[in-house]
Amino acid sequence: MPYQKKIKILLLCIALLGSIGLLLFVREWNRAPNIVDTREEIEISISSEELLASFISDEAAASETYVEKTIEVEGRVKEISFLNNRYTVILQGKGEYSCLMCDMDPEQMAQIQSIKKGDVITLRGICKGFLMDAILLNCILINQPNE
């Protein structure tokens, strides 16, 4: 077998293994604990402003404190979006550009209909970390707006 053909096969195998590794990494990153339950014990209760401020000031310490934990967050609704059959409620942070992205549980569609921009709400979800914003997955609405 010519030398160039061996190199091509080796590079193809490396690319295939790299793709499989990347797929497994992304799958593990996106894996969240099962559905958040209203009866589930809250590990942390915090405002959206405080949560974002802690990630901005010391991301490593905040990640250790909040990531993969069930947290209850109170905040003002900045925006509600619906994309790919999923609702995302965005809660305001202290600054104009900092926000908490709350990916809602699909079973929360009816409850989300009562939320409007500017409402103060409480959500419970699993903290997944901080990229440009903090991210909560599988969120459920704990209280109706302005209760």
C-alpha atoms as a PDB file:
ATOM      1  CA  MET A   1       0.000   0.000   0.000  1.00  0.00           C
ATOM      2  CA  PRO A   2       1.439   3.398  -0.934  1.00  0.00           C
ATOM      3  CA  TYR A   3       2.548   5.708   1.838  1.00  0.00           C
ATOM      4  CA  GLN A   4       0.029   8.458   0.950  1.00  0.00           C
ATOM      5  CA  LYS A   5      -2.891   6.031   1.126  1.00  0.00           C
ATOM      6  CA  LYS A   6      -1.815   4.917   4.611  1.00  0.00           C
ATOM      7  CA  ILE A   7      -1.687   8.568   5.736  1.00  0.00           C
ATOM      8  CA  LYS A   8      -5.200   9.200   4.370  1.00  0.00           C
ATOM      9  CA  ILE A   9      -6.588   6.141   6.179  1.00  0.00           C
ATOM     10  CA  LEU A  10      -4.861   7.182   9.418  1.00  0.00           C
ATOM     11  CA  LEU A  11      -6.244  10.736   9.159  1.00  0.00           C
ATOM     12  CA  LEU A  12      -9.734   9.378   8.416  1.00  0.00           C
ATOM     13  CA  CYS A  13      -9.570   7.157  11.526  1.00  0.00           C
ATOM     14  CA  ILE A  14      -8.393  10.074  13.677  1.00  0.00           C
ATOM     15  CA  ALA A  15     -11.203  12.289  12.352  1.00  0.00           C
ATOM     16  CA  LEU A  16     -13.764   9.542  12.989  1.00  0.00           C
ATOM     17  CA  LEU A  17     -12.562   8.985  16.563  1.00  0.00           C
ATOM     18  CA  GLY A  18     -12.478  12.744  17.169  1.00  0.00           C
ATOM     19  CA  SER A  19     -16.057  13.084  15.896  1.00  0.00           C
ATOM     20  CA  ILE A  20     -17.256  10.277  18.139  1.00  0.00           C
ATOM     21  CA  GLY A  21     -15.472  11.848  21.116  1.00  0.00           C
ATOM     22  CA  LEU A  22     -17.015  15.246  20.385  1.00  0.00           C
ATOM     23  CA  LEU A  23     -20.473  13.699  20.055  1.00  0.00           C
ATOM     24  CA  LEU A  24     -20.116  11.944  23.421  1.00  0.00           C
ATOM     25  CA  PHE A  25     -18.838  15.145  25.050  1.00  0.00           C
ATOM     26  CA  VAL A  26     -21.771  17.219  23.750  1.00  0.00           C
ATOM     27  CA  ARG A  27     -24.243  14.513  24.770  1.00  0.00           C
ATOM     28  CA  GLU A  28     -22.824  14.390  28.297  1.00  0.00           C
ATOM     29  CA  TRP A  29     -22.756  18.212  28.572  1.00  0.00           C
ATOM     30  CA  ASN A  30     -26.415  18.479  27.576  1.00  0.00           C
ATOM     31  CA  ARG A  31     -27.528  15.675  29.818  1.00  0.00           C
ATOM     32  CA  ALA A  32     -29.470  17.061  32.722  1.00  0.00           C
ATOM     33  CA  PRO A  33     -30.937  15.244  35.665  1.00  0.00           C
ATOM     34  CA  ASN A  34     -34.474  14.029  35.207  1.00  0.00           C
ATOM     35  CA  ILE A  35     -37.364  16.422  35.407  1.00  0.00           C
ATOM     36  CA  VAL A  36     -37.241  19.024  38.143  1.00  0.00           C
ATOM     37  CA  ASP A  37     -40.075  18.458  40.580  1.00  0.00           C
ATOM     38  CA  THR A  38     -41.826  21.072  42.708  1.00  0.00           C
ATOM     39  CA  ARG A  39     -41.493  18.670  45.636  1.00  0.00           C
ATOM     40  CA  GLU A  40     -37.756  18.278  45.072  1.00  0.00           C
ATOM     41  CA  GLU A  41     -35.581  19.827  47.738  1.00  0.00           C
ATOM     42  CA  ILE A  42     -34.085  23.145  46.698  1.00  0.00           C
ATOM     43  CA  GLU A  43     -30.331  23.196  47.057  1.00  0.00           C
ATOM     44  CA  ILE A  44     -29.984  26.958  46.529  1.00  0.00           C
ATOM     45  CA  SER A  45     -32.417  29.875  46.396  1.00  0.00           C
ATOM     46  CA  ILE A  46     -31.077  33.087  44.837  1.00  0.00           C
ATOM     47  CA  SER A  47     -32.057  36.073  42.707  1.00  0.00           C
ATOM     48  CA  SER A  48     -31.091  36.158  39.030  1.00  0.00           C
ATOM     49  CA  GLU A  49     -29.003  39.279  39.701  1.00  0.00           C
ATOM     50  CA  GLU A  50     -27.019  37.614  42.502  1.00  0.00           C
ATOM     51  CA  LEU A  51     -26.470  34.428  40.475  1.00  0.00           C
ATOM     52  CA  LEU A  52     -25.132  36.340  37.484  1.00  0.00           C
ATOM     53  CA  ALA A  53     -22.972  38.613  39.655  1.00  0.00           C
ATOM     54  CA  SER A  54     -21.328  35.593  41.279  1.00  0.00           C
ATOM     55  CA  PHE A  55     -20.493  34.033  37.883  1.00  0.00           C
ATOM     56  CA  ILE A  56     -19.138  37.335  36.573  1.00  0.00           C
ATOM     57  CA  SER A  57     -16.977  38.018  39.638  1.00  0.00           C
ATOM     58  CA  ASP A  58     -15.529  34.481  40.051  1.00  0.00           C
ATOM     59  CA  GLU A  59     -16.699  31.940  37.482  1.00  0.00           C
ATOM     60  CA  ALA A  60     -14.712  29.030  38.938  1.00  0.00           C
ATOM     61  CA  ALA A  61     -16.101  29.465  42.461  1.00  0.00           C
ATOM     62  CA  ALA A  62     -19.635  30.026  41.155  1.00  0.00           C
ATOM     63  CA  SER A  63     -19.424  26.921  38.974  1.00  0.00           C
ATOM     64  CA  GLU A  64     -18.386  24.863  41.978  1.00  0.00           C
ATOM     65  CA  THR A  65     -21.269  26.299  44.006  1.00  0.00           C
ATOM     66  CA  TYR A  66     -24.115  26.193  41.463  1.00  0.00           C
ATOM     67  CA  VAL A  67     -23.441  23.844  38.523  1.00  0.00           C
ATOM     68  CA  GLU A  68     -25.505  20.614  38.459  1.00  0.00           C
ATOM     69  CA  LYS A  69     -27.548  21.772  41.445  1.00  0.00           C
ATOM     70  CA  THR A  70     -31.290  22.373  41.677  1.00  0.00           C
ATOM     71  CA  ILE A  71     -31.697  26.078  42.233  1.00  0.00           C
ATOM     72  CA  GLU A  72     -34.675  28.341  42.628  1.00  0.00           C
ATOM     73  CA  VAL A  73     -34.250  31.747  41.012  1.00  0.00           C
ATOM     74  CA  GLU A  74     -36.373  34.860  41.295  1.00  0.00           C
ATOM     75  CA  GLY A  75     -36.029  37.521  38.633  1.00  0.00           C
ATOM     76  CA  ARG A  76     -37.658  39.973  36.245  1.00  0.00           C
ATOM     77  CA  VAL A  77     -38.607  38.610  32.813  1.00  0.00           C
ATOM     78  CA  LYS A  78     -36.554  40.308  30.114  1.00  0.00           C
ATOM     79  CA  GLU A  79     -37.805  38.196  27.206  1.00  0.00           C
ATOM     80  CA  ILE A  80     -39.648  34.995  26.318  1.00  0.00           C
ATOM     81  CA  SER A  81     -38.712  33.093  23.183  1.00  0.00           C
ATOM     82  CA  PHE A  82     -40.133  30.017  21.477  1.00  0.00           C
ATOM     83  CA  LEU A  83     -37.753  28.115  19.198  1.00  0.00           C
ATOM     84  CA  ASN A  84     -37.714  24.456  18.134  1.00  0.00           C
ATOM     85  CA  ASN A  85     -40.848  23.754  20.207  1.00  0.00           C
ATOM     86  CA  ARG A  86     -39.123  24.939  23.404  1.00  0.00           C
ATOM     87  CA  TYR A  87     -39.698  28.034  25.487  1.00  0.00           C
ATOM     88  CA  THR A  88     -36.803  29.974  26.930  1.00  0.00           C
ATOM     89  CA  VAL A  89     -37.477  32.581  29.597  1.00  0.00           C
ATOM     90  CA  ILE A  90     -34.706  35.139  29.917  1.00  0.00           C
ATOM     91  CA  LEU A  91     -34.363  36.785  33.330  1.00  0.00           C
ATOM     92  CA  GLN A  92     -32.633  40.139  33.746  1.00  0.00           C
ATOM     93  CA  GLY A  93     -29.313  40.519  35.531  1.00  0.00           C
ATOM     94  CA  LYS A  94     -27.922  43.742  37.017  1.00  0.00           C
ATOM     95  CA  GLY A  95     -26.507  45.008  33.740  1.00  0.00           C
ATOM     96  CA  GLU A  96     -28.360  45.523  30.504  1.00  0.00           C
ATOM     97  CA  TYR A  97     -26.402  42.734  28.789  1.00  0.00           C
ATOM     98  CA  SER A  98     -26.246  40.095  31.527  1.00  0.00           C
ATOM     99  CA  CYS A  99     -29.089  37.623  31.699  1.00  0.00           C
ATOM    100  CA  LEU A 100     -30.099  34.188  32.902  1.00  0.00           C
ATOM    101  CA  MET A 101     -31.349  31.853  30.180  1.00  0.00           C
ATOM    102  CA  CYS A 102     -33.954  29.443  31.531  1.00  0.00           C
ATOM    103  CA  ASP A 103     -34.806  26.597  29.165  1.00  0.00           C
ATOM    104  CA  MET A 104     -38.300  25.565  30.214  1.00  0.00           C
ATOM    105  CA  ASP A 105     -39.574  22.035  30.675  1.00  0.00           C
ATOM    106  CA  PRO A 106     -41.873  21.201  27.717  1.00  0.00           C
ATOM    107  CA  GLU A 107     -44.747  20.429  30.109  1.00  0.00           C
ATOM    108  CA  GLN A 108     -44.724  24.082  31.247  1.00  0.00           C
ATOM    109  CA  MET A 109     -46.241  25.477  28.020  1.00  0.00           C
ATOM    110  CA  ALA A 110     -49.601  26.358  29.607  1.00  0.00           C
ATOM    111  CA  GLN A 111     -47.974  28.061  32.611  1.00  0.00           C
ATOM    112  CA  ILE A 112     -45.679  30.130  30.384  1.00  0.00           C
ATOM    113  CA  GLN A 113     -48.688  31.657  28.613  1.00  0.00           C
ATOM    114  CA  SER A 114     -49.402  33.718  31.760  1.00  0.00           C
ATOM    115  CA  ILE A 115     -45.911  35.303  31.835  1.00  0.00           C
ATOM    116  CA  LYS A 116     -45.230  38.713  30.304  1.00  0.00           C
ATOM    117  CA  LYS A 117     -42.124  40.838  29.878  1.00  0.00           C
ATOM    118  CA  GLY A 118     -41.453  42.734  33.121  1.00  0.00           C
ATOM    119  CA  ASP A 119     -43.118  40.167  35.433  1.00  0.00           C
ATOM    120  CA  VAL A 120     -41.207  39.032  38.510  1.00  0.00           C
ATOM    121  CA  ILE A 121     -41.311  35.227  38.649  1.00  0.00           C
ATOM    122  CA  THR A 122     -39.663  32.329  40.433  1.00  0.00           C
ATOM    123  CA  LEU A 123     -38.298  29.368  38.464  1.00  0.00           C
ATOM    124  CA  ARG A 124     -36.647  26.147  39.549  1.00  0.00           C
ATOM    125  CA  GLY A 125     -34.108  24.384  37.335  1.00  0.00           C
ATOM    126  CA  ILE A 126     -30.737  22.706  37.009  1.00  0.00           C
ATOM    127  CA  CYS A 127     -27.808  25.106  36.657  1.00  0.00           C
ATOM    128  CA  LYS A 128     -25.571  24.089  33.751  1.00  0.00           C
ATOM    129  CA  GLY A 129     -22.997  26.846  33.930  1.00  0.00           C
ATOM    130  CA  PHE A 130     -21.979  30.131  32.396  1.00  0.00           C
ATOM    131  CA  LEU A 131     -20.972  30.955  28.842  1.00  0.00           C
ATOM    132  CA  MET A 132     -21.941  34.544  28.058  1.00  0.00           C
ATOM    133  CA  ASP A 133     -25.017  34.117  30.256  1.00  0.00           C
ATOM    134  CA  ALA A 134     -25.895  31.711  33.040  1.00  0.00           C
ATOM    135  CA  ILE A 135     -27.976  28.730  31.904  1.00  0.00           C
ATOM    136  CA  LEU A 136     -30.704  26.745  33.690  1.00  0.00           C
ATOM    137  CA  LEU A 137     -32.273  23.653  32.115  1.00  0.00           C
ATOM    138  CA  ASN A 138     -35.572  21.815  32.664  1.00  0.00           C
ATOM    139  CA  CYS A 139     -37.063  24.829  34.436  1.00  0.00           C
ATOM    140  CA  ILE A 140     -40.504  24.873  35.987  1.00  0.00           C
ATOM    141  CA  LEU A 141     -42.507  27.894  37.043  1.00  0.00           C
ATOM    142  CA  ILE A 142     -42.922  27.969  40.833  1.00  0.00           C
ATOM    143  CA  ASN A 143     -45.216  30.976  41.136  1.00  0.00           C
ATOM    144  CA  GLN A 144     -47.489  32.809  38.759  1.00  0.00           C
ATOM    145  CA  PRO A 145     -46.451  36.369  37.929  1.00  0.00           C
ATOM    146  CA  ASN A 146     -47.000  38.919  40.672  1.00  0.00           C
ATOM    147  CA  GLU A 147     -48.316  36.366  43.190  1.00  0.00           C
END
